[in-house]
Amino acid sequence: MSTEIHNGITIKSENEINQMREAGKIVAMAQIALANAIRIGISTLELDKIAEKEIRTQGAIPSFKGYMGFPSSICTSINNEIVHGIPSKRKIKNGDIVSIDVGAIYNGYHSDSAFTIGIGDISDKEKKLIADTKTALQIGINSAKNSARVGDIGFTIQQYGDQHNYGIVKQYVGHGIGRNLHEEPQIPNYGNQGKGIQLKNGMSIAIEPMFNLGTWETQVLDDEWTVVTADGSISAHFEDTIVIHNNNAQILSELPEKKNIPIQKNN
């Protein structure tokens, strides 16, 4: 069983971490399948079906499908869409910047991860945005250690984003994760060093920087899910589920092949 600590945060047992590790492998396999399948002309609905089939074939359940009424197994957010885009018959076009968020439940435990990929001909500025957002995720993960503070994660991500003049999304943040998709604590992509809840061994969190080429401000579309940049600028999003283990961050939503997912796919 998990041990409750202050503010409702749970410390995961070794058994629970192992269940989350299995969920993370399944998420990573789904992401690899999506990265292999994505191309000009494929619809986001087709990608959704590919991910759901992979997740269910591995004995897991999509975390997102039905969550607070969300209709799909993955989120597909394109260009100025930041997060929570709903898969549809919309087809991927040359030059699209596509962010895909995937979650899976295995034996009652969640894992959550996202990546962004450019399709075909994208600008150098867009390539840099994707690469820098991916780097920001790793910087945030590196700062997540036993006895560090949540503010340390946000500070390192914000510092890196500010150095590159990106709009850092503030309204949507990372989160605790485990038996529930979203648990305490919240993990903002901004903050102050030494502030916030202290991280402890056994805490599991999802870190997810979202950088925009323009403003940090956002809007929600009429579908009440899709979040877009307020100025129409391009956005990128990366996420991994981690656990504080042996005093350092261990990525749960990763396989060796996932490291080879490119930031650009030529079709």
C-alpha atoms as a PDB file:
ATOM      1  CA  MET A   1       0.000   0.000   0.000  1.00  0.00           C
ATOM      2  CA  SER A   2       1.020   3.630  -0.548  1.00  0.00           C
ATOM      3  CA  THR A   3       1.937   5.676   2.503  1.00  0.00           C
ATOM      4  CA  GLU A   4       0.106   8.991   2.647  1.00  0.00           C
ATOM      5  CA  ILE A   5       2.171  12.034   3.477  1.00  0.00           C
ATOM      6  CA  HIS A   6       1.266  15.711   3.825  1.00  0.00           C
ATOM      7  CA  ASN A   7      -1.053  17.351   1.293  1.00  0.00           C
ATOM      8  CA  GLY A   8      -2.342  14.001   0.089  1.00  0.00           C
ATOM      9  CA  ILE A   9       0.890  13.041  -1.692  1.00  0.00           C
ATOM     10  CA  THR A  10       1.634   9.321  -1.751  1.00  0.00           C
ATOM     11  CA  ILE A  11       4.938   7.523  -1.431  1.00  0.00           C
ATOM     12  CA  LYS A  12       4.930   4.479  -3.712  1.00  0.00           C
ATOM     13  CA  SER A  13       6.116   1.057  -2.566  1.00  0.00           C
ATOM     14  CA  GLU A  14       8.549  -0.988  -4.659  1.00  0.00           C
ATOM     15  CA  ASN A  15       5.622  -3.057  -5.926  1.00  0.00           C
ATOM     16  CA  GLU A  16       3.712   0.060  -6.965  1.00  0.00           C
ATOM     17  CA  ILE A  17       6.772   1.470  -8.705  1.00  0.00           C
ATOM     18  CA  ASN A  18       7.107  -1.797 -10.621  1.00  0.00           C
ATOM     19  CA  GLN A  19       3.476  -1.562 -11.763  1.00  0.00           C
ATOM     20  CA  MET A  20       4.066   2.022 -12.900  1.00  0.00           C
ATOM     21  CA  ARG A  21       7.242   0.909 -14.669  1.00  0.00           C
ATOM     22  CA  GLU A  22       5.191  -1.626 -16.657  1.00  0.00           C
ATOM     23  CA  ALA A  23       2.625   1.060 -17.482  1.00  0.00           C
ATOM     24  CA  GLY A  24       5.489   3.292 -18.601  1.00  0.00           C
ATOM     25  CA  LYS A  25       6.897   0.639 -20.926  1.00  0.00           C
ATOM     26  CA  ILE A  26       3.488   0.277 -22.539  1.00  0.00           C
ATOM     27  CA  VAL A  27       3.227   4.045 -23.021  1.00  0.00           C
ATOM     28  CA  ALA A  28       6.704   4.052 -24.576  1.00  0.00           C
ATOM     29  CA  MET A  29       5.747   1.219 -26.947  1.00  0.00           C
ATOM     30  CA  ALA A  30       2.659   3.157 -28.016  1.00  0.00           C
ATOM     31  CA  GLN A  31       4.788   6.236 -28.666  1.00  0.00           C
ATOM     32  CA  ILE A  32       7.233   4.245 -30.774  1.00  0.00           C
ATOM     33  CA  ALA A  33       4.333   2.823 -32.794  1.00  0.00           C
ATOM     34  CA  LEU A  34       2.949   6.339 -33.304  1.00  0.00           C
ATOM     35  CA  ALA A  35       6.314   7.772 -34.338  1.00  0.00           C
ATOM     36  CA  ASN A  36       6.690   4.974 -36.887  1.00  0.00           C
ATOM     37  CA  ALA A  37       3.167   5.461 -38.248  1.00  0.00           C
ATOM     38  CA  ILE A  38       2.932   9.240 -38.436  1.00  0.00           C
ATOM     39  CA  ARG A  39       3.255  10.643 -41.945  1.00  0.00           C
ATOM     40  CA  ILE A  40       1.726  13.163 -44.312  1.00  0.00           C
ATOM     41  CA  GLY A  41      -1.860  12.121 -45.057  1.00  0.00           C
ATOM     42  CA  ILE A  42      -2.569  10.018 -41.978  1.00  0.00           C
ATOM     43  CA  SER A  43      -5.429  11.249 -39.817  1.00  0.00           C
ATOM     44  CA  THR A  44      -5.135  11.892 -36.110  1.00  0.00           C
ATOM     45  CA  LEU A  45      -8.044   9.460 -35.648  1.00  0.00           C
ATOM     46  CA  GLU A  46      -5.963   6.730 -37.286  1.00  0.00           C
ATOM     47  CA  LEU A  47      -3.138   7.531 -34.887  1.00  0.00           C
ATOM     48  CA  ASP A  48      -5.562   7.265 -31.992  1.00  0.00           C
ATOM     49  CA  LYS A  49      -6.617   3.774 -33.121  1.00  0.00           C
ATOM     50  CA  ILE A  50      -2.973   2.680 -33.456  1.00  0.00           C
ATOM     51  CA  ALA A  51      -2.203   3.820 -29.914  1.00  0.00           C
ATOM     52  CA  GLU A  52      -5.308   2.247 -28.395  1.00  0.00           C
ATOM     53  CA  LYS A  53      -4.611  -1.078 -30.102  1.00  0.00           C
ATOM     54  CA  GLU A  54      -1.013  -1.090 -28.834  1.00  0.00           C
ATOM     55  CA  ILE A  55      -2.049  -0.196 -25.275  1.00  0.00           C
ATOM     56  CA  ARG A  56      -4.806  -2.808 -25.096  1.00  0.00           C
ATOM     57  CA  THR A  57      -2.687  -5.499 -26.767  1.00  0.00           C
ATOM     58  CA  GLN A  58      -0.178  -5.053 -23.937  1.00  0.00           C
ATOM     59  CA  GLY A  59      -2.866  -5.652 -21.318  1.00  0.00           C
ATOM     60  CA  ALA A  60      -3.382  -2.009 -20.360  1.00  0.00           C
ATOM     61  CA  ILE A  61      -6.177   0.558 -20.666  1.00  0.00           C
ATOM     62  CA  PRO A  62      -5.851   4.041 -22.206  1.00  0.00           C
ATOM     63  CA  SER A  63      -5.711   6.566 -19.353  1.00  0.00           C
ATOM     64  CA  PHE A  64      -7.372   9.369 -21.273  1.00  0.00           C
ATOM     65  CA  LYS A  65     -10.373   7.649 -22.863  1.00  0.00           C
ATOM     66  CA  GLY A  66     -13.423   8.716 -20.896  1.00  0.00           C
ATOM     67  CA  TYR A  67     -11.366  10.769 -18.434  1.00  0.00           C
ATOM     68  CA  MET A  68     -13.633  13.689 -17.479  1.00  0.00           C
ATOM     69  CA  GLY A  69     -15.471  12.969 -20.730  1.00  0.00           C
ATOM     70  CA  PHE A  70     -12.442  13.043 -23.052  1.00  0.00           C
ATOM     71  CA  PRO A  71     -13.442  10.940 -26.096  1.00  0.00           C
ATOM     72  CA  SER A  72     -10.103   9.528 -27.246  1.00  0.00           C
ATOM     73  CA  SER A  73      -7.112   7.434 -26.212  1.00  0.00           C
ATOM     74  CA  ILE A  74      -4.469  10.061 -27.046  1.00  0.00           C
ATOM     75  CA  CYS A  75      -4.261  13.833 -27.356  1.00  0.00           C
ATOM     76  CA  THR A  76      -3.105  15.143 -30.745  1.00  0.00           C
ATOM     77  CA  SER A  77      -2.225  18.850 -30.742  1.00  0.00           C
ATOM     78  CA  ILE A  78      -1.042  20.458 -33.977  1.00  0.00           C
ATOM     79  CA  ASN A  79       0.887  23.689 -34.591  1.00  0.00           C
ATOM     80  CA  ASN A  80      -0.655  26.374 -32.339  1.00  0.00           C
ATOM     81  CA  GLU A  81      -2.445  23.721 -30.277  1.00  0.00           C
ATOM     82  CA  ILE A  82      -0.598  23.150 -27.010  1.00  0.00           C
ATOM     83  CA  VAL A  83      -2.373  20.226 -25.324  1.00  0.00           C
ATOM     84  CA  HIS A  84      -5.617  18.220 -25.217  1.00  0.00           C
ATOM     85  CA  GLY A  85      -6.306  18.183 -28.969  1.00  0.00           C
ATOM     86  CA  ILE A  86      -9.002  15.622 -29.874  1.00  0.00           C
ATOM     87  CA  PRO A  87      -8.191  13.104 -32.640  1.00  0.00           C
ATOM     88  CA  SER A  88     -10.419  13.418 -35.694  1.00  0.00           C
ATOM     89  CA  LYS A  89     -10.472  12.877 -39.458  1.00  0.00           C
ATOM     90  CA  ARG A  90      -8.042  15.797 -39.747  1.00  0.00           C
ATOM     91  CA  LYS A  91      -5.026  14.689 -41.777  1.00  0.00           C
ATOM     92  CA  ILE A  92      -1.396  15.508 -41.037  1.00  0.00           C
ATOM     93  CA  LYS A  93       0.082  17.933 -43.566  1.00  0.00           C
ATOM     94  CA  ASN A  94       3.600  18.746 -44.641  1.00  0.00           C
ATOM     95  CA  GLY A  95       5.059  21.258 -42.193  1.00  0.00           C
ATOM     96  CA  ASP A  96       2.818  20.345 -39.248  1.00  0.00           C
ATOM     97  CA  ILE A  97       4.220  20.352 -35.719  1.00  0.00           C
ATOM     98  CA  VAL A  98       2.433  17.497 -33.939  1.00  0.00           C
ATOM     99  CA  SER A  99       2.385  16.927 -30.169  1.00  0.00           C
ATOM    100  CA  ILE A 100       1.083  13.543 -29.006  1.00  0.00           C
ATOM    101  CA  ASP A 101       0.232  12.808 -25.377  1.00  0.00           C
ATOM    102  CA  VAL A 102      -0.250   9.155 -24.345  1.00  0.00           C
ATOM    103  CA  GLY A 103      -1.337   7.570 -21.066  1.00  0.00           C
ATOM    104  CA  ALA A 104      -1.901   3.965 -19.983  1.00  0.00           C
ATOM    105  CA  ILE A 105      -3.228   2.174 -16.898  1.00  0.00           C
ATOM    106  CA  TYR A 106      -1.628  -1.153 -15.990  1.00  0.00           C
ATOM    107  CA  ASN A 107      -2.938  -3.075 -12.976  1.00  0.00           C
ATOM    108  CA  GLY A 108      -4.489   0.138 -11.709  1.00  0.00           C
ATOM    109  CA  TYR A 109      -1.405   2.363 -12.117  1.00  0.00           C
ATOM    110  CA  HIS A 110      -0.904   5.157 -14.638  1.00  0.00           C
ATOM    111  CA  SER A 111       1.955   6.409 -16.766  1.00  0.00           C
ATOM    112  CA  ASP A 112       1.807   9.583 -18.868  1.00  0.00           C
ATOM    113  CA  SER A 113       4.176  10.854 -21.560  1.00  0.00           C
ATOM    114  CA  ALA A 114       4.233  13.219 -24.542  1.00  0.00           C
ATOM    115  CA  PHE A 115       6.462  14.080 -27.476  1.00  0.00           C
ATOM    116  CA  THR A 116       6.474  16.569 -30.344  1.00  0.00           C
ATOM    117  CA  ILE A 117       7.575  15.847 -33.908  1.00  0.00           C
ATOM    118  CA  GLY A 118       7.814  17.999 -37.035  1.00  0.00           C
ATOM    119  CA  ILE A 119       6.447  16.478 -40.229  1.00  0.00           C
ATOM    120  CA  GLY A 120       8.251  17.080 -43.510  1.00  0.00           C
ATOM    121  CA  ASP A 121       9.497  20.606 -44.167  1.00  0.00           C
ATOM    122  CA  ILE A 122       9.687  22.638 -40.973  1.00  0.00           C
ATOM    123  CA  SER A 123      11.670  25.797 -40.265  1.00  0.00           C
ATOM    124  CA  ASP A 124      14.923  25.951 -38.338  1.00  0.00           C
ATOM    125  CA  LYS A 125      13.109  27.958 -35.668  1.00  0.00           C
ATOM    126  CA  GLU A 126      10.536  25.188 -35.294  1.00  0.00           C
ATOM    127  CA  LYS A 127      13.237  22.500 -35.145  1.00  0.00           C
ATOM    128  CA  LYS A 128      14.958  24.474 -32.407  1.00  0.00           C
ATOM    129  CA  LEU A 129      11.700  24.894 -30.463  1.00  0.00           C
ATOM    130  CA  ILE A 130      11.107  21.139 -30.485  1.00  0.00           C
ATOM    131  CA  ALA A 131      14.706  20.320 -29.553  1.00  0.00           C
ATOM    132  CA  ASP A 132      14.802  22.928 -26.793  1.00  0.00           C
ATOM    133  CA  THR A 133      11.509  21.760 -25.273  1.00  0.00           C
ATOM    134  CA  LYS A 134      12.859  18.204 -25.245  1.00  0.00           C
ATOM    135  CA  THR A 135      16.026  19.453 -23.566  1.00  0.00           C
ATOM    136  CA  ALA A 136      13.960  21.376 -21.009  1.00  0.00           C
ATOM    137  CA  LEU A 137      12.245  18.133 -20.010  1.00  0.00           C
ATOM    138  CA  GLN A 138      15.602  16.489 -19.362  1.00  0.00           C
ATOM    139  CA  ILE A 139      16.785  19.526 -17.399  1.00  0.00           C
ATOM    140  CA  GLY A 140      13.670  19.326 -15.256  1.00  0.00           C
ATOM    141  CA  ILE A 141      14.163  15.599 -14.697  1.00  0.00           C
ATOM    142  CA  ASN A 142      17.801  16.144 -13.709  1.00  0.00           C
ATOM    143  CA  SER A 143      16.711  18.593 -11.011  1.00  0.00           C
ATOM    144  CA  ALA A 144      14.242  16.136  -9.458  1.00  0.00           C
ATOM    145  CA  LYS A 145      16.162  14.569  -6.599  1.00  0.00           C
ATOM    146  CA  ASN A 146      15.385  13.419  -3.094  1.00  0.00           C
ATOM    147  CA  SER A 147      15.119  16.486  -0.792  1.00  0.00           C
ATOM    148  CA  ALA A 148      14.892  18.909  -3.741  1.00  0.00           C
ATOM    149  CA  ARG A 149      11.796  21.104  -3.988  1.00  0.00           C
ATOM    150  CA  VAL A 150       9.105  21.307  -6.640  1.00  0.00           C
ATOM    151  CA  GLY A 151      10.222  24.908  -7.204  1.00  0.00           C
ATOM    152  CA  ASP A 152      13.661  23.637  -8.229  1.00  0.00           C
ATOM    153  CA  ILE A 153      12.137  21.755 -11.179  1.00  0.00           C
ATOM    154  CA  GLY A 154      10.116  24.747 -12.341  1.00  0.00           C
ATOM    155  CA  PHE A 155      13.051  27.111 -11.863  1.00  0.00           C
ATOM    156  CA  THR A 156      15.401  25.112 -14.079  1.00  0.00           C
ATOM    157  CA  ILE A 157      12.789  24.748 -16.836  1.00  0.00           C
ATOM    158  CA  GLN A 158      11.847  28.435 -16.666  1.00  0.00           C
ATOM    159  CA  GLN A 159      15.468  29.551 -16.684  1.00  0.00           C
ATOM    160  CA  TYR A 160      16.171  27.510 -19.818  1.00  0.00           C
ATOM    161  CA  GLY A 161      13.005  28.667 -21.574  1.00  0.00           C
ATOM    162  CA  ASP A 162      13.687  32.304 -20.735  1.00  0.00           C
ATOM    163  CA  GLN A 163      17.239  32.022 -22.081  1.00  0.00           C
ATOM    164  CA  HIS A 164      15.764  31.034 -25.451  1.00  0.00           C
ATOM    165  CA  ASN A 165      12.924  33.601 -25.351  1.00  0.00           C
ATOM    166  CA  TYR A 166      10.060  31.122 -25.376  1.00  0.00           C
ATOM    167  CA  GLY A 167       6.598  31.663 -23.984  1.00  0.00           C
ATOM    168  CA  ILE A 168       6.411  29.218 -21.064  1.00  0.00           C
ATOM    169  CA  VAL A 169       2.875  27.947 -20.541  1.00  0.00           C
ATOM    170  CA  LYS A 170       1.738  28.662 -16.984  1.00  0.00           C
ATOM    171  CA  GLN A 171      -1.926  27.608 -16.955  1.00  0.00           C
ATOM    172  CA  TYR A 172      -1.133  23.915 -17.515  1.00  0.00           C
ATOM    173  CA  VAL A 173       1.409  22.063 -15.419  1.00  0.00           C
ATOM    174  CA  GLY A 174       2.907  18.690 -14.564  1.00  0.00           C
ATOM    175  CA  HIS A 175       1.458  16.607 -11.762  1.00  0.00           C
ATOM    176  CA  GLY A 176       1.734  13.738  -9.357  1.00  0.00           C
ATOM    177  CA  ILE A 177       0.676  10.395 -10.794  1.00  0.00           C
ATOM    178  CA  GLY A 178       0.003   6.857  -9.588  1.00  0.00           C
ATOM    179  CA  ARG A 179      -3.347   5.210  -8.964  1.00  0.00           C
ATOM    180  CA  ASN A 180      -4.831   8.413 -10.404  1.00  0.00           C
ATOM    181  CA  LEU A 181      -3.782  10.150 -13.597  1.00  0.00           C
ATOM    182  CA  HIS A 182      -3.550  13.472 -11.778  1.00  0.00           C
ATOM    183  CA  GLU A 183      -2.429  13.552  -8.155  1.00  0.00           C
ATOM    184  CA  GLU A 184      -0.702  16.035  -5.913  1.00  0.00           C
ATOM    185  CA  PRO A 185       1.633  17.829  -6.182  1.00  0.00           C
ATOM    186  CA  GLN A 186       1.330  20.120  -9.176  1.00  0.00           C
ATOM    187  CA  ILE A 187       4.630  20.555 -11.049  1.00  0.00           C
ATOM    188  CA  PRO A 188       4.707  23.989 -12.754  1.00  0.00           C
ATOM    189  CA  ASN A 189       7.222  24.826 -15.470  1.00  0.00           C
ATOM    190  CA  TYR A 190       8.204  27.945 -13.527  1.00  0.00           C
ATOM    191  CA  GLY A 191       9.115  28.578  -9.918  1.00  0.00           C
ATOM    192  CA  ASN A 192      11.672  29.590  -7.337  1.00  0.00           C
ATOM    193  CA  GLN A 193      14.591  27.530  -6.107  1.00  0.00           C
ATOM    194  CA  GLY A 194      14.136  26.030  -2.671  1.00  0.00           C
ATOM    195  CA  LYS A 195      10.382  26.660  -2.664  1.00  0.00           C
ATOM    196  CA  GLY A 196       7.437  24.294  -2.758  1.00  0.00           C
ATOM    197  CA  ILE A 197       6.895  20.735  -1.590  1.00  0.00           C
ATOM    198  CA  GLN A 198       9.975  18.671  -0.877  1.00  0.00           C
ATOM    199  CA  LEU A 199      10.548  15.641  -3.077  1.00  0.00           C
ATOM    200  CA  LYS A 200      11.069  12.284  -1.376  1.00  0.00           C
ATOM    201  CA  ASN A 201      12.054   8.793  -2.479  1.00  0.00           C
ATOM    202  CA  GLY A 202       8.973   6.987  -3.744  1.00  0.00           C
ATOM    203  CA  MET A 203       7.209  10.102  -5.073  1.00  0.00           C
ATOM    204  CA  SER A 204       6.072   9.743  -8.687  1.00  0.00           C
ATOM    205  CA  ILE A 205       5.449  12.783 -10.865  1.00  0.00           C
ATOM    206  CA  ALA A 206       4.944  13.752 -14.506  1.00  0.00           C
ATOM    207  CA  ILE A 207       7.124  16.632 -15.699  1.00  0.00           C
ATOM    208  CA  GLU A 208       5.894  18.325 -18.892  1.00  0.00           C
ATOM    209  CA  PRO A 209       7.352  21.562 -20.263  1.00  0.00           C
ATOM    210  CA  MET A 210       5.272  23.394 -22.884  1.00  0.00           C
ATOM    211  CA  PHE A 211       7.115  26.104 -24.818  1.00  0.00           C
ATOM    212  CA  ASN A 212       5.618  28.509 -27.366  1.00  0.00           C
ATOM    213  CA  LEU A 213       7.332  30.579 -30.055  1.00  0.00           C
ATOM    214  CA  GLY A 214       5.193  33.527 -28.966  1.00  0.00           C
ATOM    215  CA  THR A 215       3.158  34.382 -25.890  1.00  0.00           C
ATOM    216  CA  TRP A 216       2.772  32.159 -22.843  1.00  0.00           C
ATOM    217  CA  GLU A 217      -0.947  32.945 -22.778  1.00  0.00           C
ATOM    218  CA  THR A 218      -3.520  30.371 -23.841  1.00  0.00           C
ATOM    219  CA  GLN A 219      -7.128  29.946 -24.926  1.00  0.00           C
ATOM    220  CA  VAL A 220      -9.492  26.951 -24.990  1.00  0.00           C
ATOM    221  CA  LEU A 221     -11.392  26.179 -28.202  1.00  0.00           C
ATOM    222  CA  ASP A 222     -15.134  25.627 -28.430  1.00  0.00           C
ATOM    223  CA  ASP A 223     -14.695  21.861 -28.049  1.00  0.00           C
ATOM    224  CA  GLU A 224     -13.832  22.725 -24.402  1.00  0.00           C
ATOM    225  CA  TRP A 225     -10.659  20.615 -24.578  1.00  0.00           C
ATOM    226  CA  THR A 226      -8.145  21.885 -27.114  1.00  0.00           C
ATOM    227  CA  VAL A 227      -5.771  24.475 -25.649  1.00  0.00           C
ATOM    228  CA  VAL A 228      -4.137  26.862 -28.133  1.00  0.00           C
ATOM    229  CA  THR A 229      -1.677  29.725 -27.953  1.00  0.00           C
ATOM    230  CA  ALA A 230      -3.472  33.048 -27.599  1.00  0.00           C
ATOM    231  CA  ASP A 231      -1.453  34.589 -30.456  1.00  0.00           C
ATOM    232  CA  GLY A 232      -1.520  31.603 -32.820  1.00  0.00           C
ATOM    233  CA  SER A 233       2.182  30.831 -32.383  1.00  0.00           C
ATOM    234  CA  ILE A 234       3.621  27.314 -32.642  1.00  0.00           C
ATOM    235  CA  SER A 235       3.914  25.210 -29.489  1.00  0.00           C
ATOM    236  CA  ALA A 236       5.863  22.106 -28.410  1.00  0.00           C
ATOM    237  CA  HIS A 237       5.284  19.708 -25.509  1.00  0.00           C
ATOM    238  CA  PHE A 238       7.332  16.915 -23.957  1.00  0.00           C
ATOM    239  CA  GLU A 239       6.523  14.824 -20.889  1.00  0.00           C
ATOM    240  CA  ASP A 240       7.787  11.832 -18.935  1.00  0.00           C
ATOM    241  CA  THR A 241       6.644  10.046 -15.806  1.00  0.00           C
ATOM    242  CA  ILE A 242       9.396   9.675 -13.227  1.00  0.00           C
ATOM    243  CA  VAL A 243       9.852   8.343  -9.709  1.00  0.00           C
ATOM    244  CA  ILE A 244      12.328   9.536  -7.118  1.00  0.00           C
ATOM    245  CA  HIS A 245      14.272   6.331  -6.526  1.00  0.00           C
ATOM    246  CA  ASN A 246      17.601   5.889  -4.725  1.00  0.00           C
ATOM    247  CA  ASN A 247      17.653   9.694  -4.316  1.00  0.00           C
ATOM    248  CA  ASN A 248      17.485  10.467  -8.063  1.00  0.00           C
ATOM    249  CA  ALA A 249      14.894  10.648 -10.834  1.00  0.00           C
ATOM    250  CA  GLN A 250      14.214   7.419 -12.688  1.00  0.00           C
ATOM    251  CA  ILE A 251      12.229   7.719 -15.923  1.00  0.00           C
ATOM    252  CA  LEU A 252       9.378   5.198 -15.993  1.00  0.00           C
ATOM    253  CA  SER A 253       7.929   6.035 -19.430  1.00  0.00           C
ATOM    254  CA  GLU A 254      10.987   5.095 -21.453  1.00  0.00           C
ATOM    255  CA  LEU A 255      12.455   2.282 -23.537  1.00  0.00           C
ATOM    256  CA  PRO A 256      15.821   2.356 -25.411  1.00  0.00           C
ATOM    257  CA  GLU A 257      14.008   2.638 -28.754  1.00  0.00           C
ATOM    258  CA  LYS A 258      12.041   5.667 -27.577  1.00  0.00           C
ATOM    259  CA  LYS A 259      15.271   7.642 -27.292  1.00  0.00           C
ATOM    260  CA  ASN A 260      15.538   7.385 -31.083  1.00  0.00           C
ATOM    261  CA  ILE A 261      12.222   9.132 -31.781  1.00  0.00           C
ATOM    262  CA  PRO A 262      13.307  12.054 -33.996  1.00  0.00           C
ATOM    263  CA  ILE A 263      12.201  15.669 -33.658  1.00  0.00           C
ATOM    264  CA  GLN A 264      11.527  15.744 -37.412  1.00  0.00           C
ATOM    265  CA  LYS A 265      10.206  13.080 -39.749  1.00  0.00           C
ATOM    266  CA  ASN A 266      10.732  13.427 -43.467  1.00  0.00           C
ATOM    267  CA  ASN A 267       8.027  11.846 -45.584  1.00  0.00           C
END
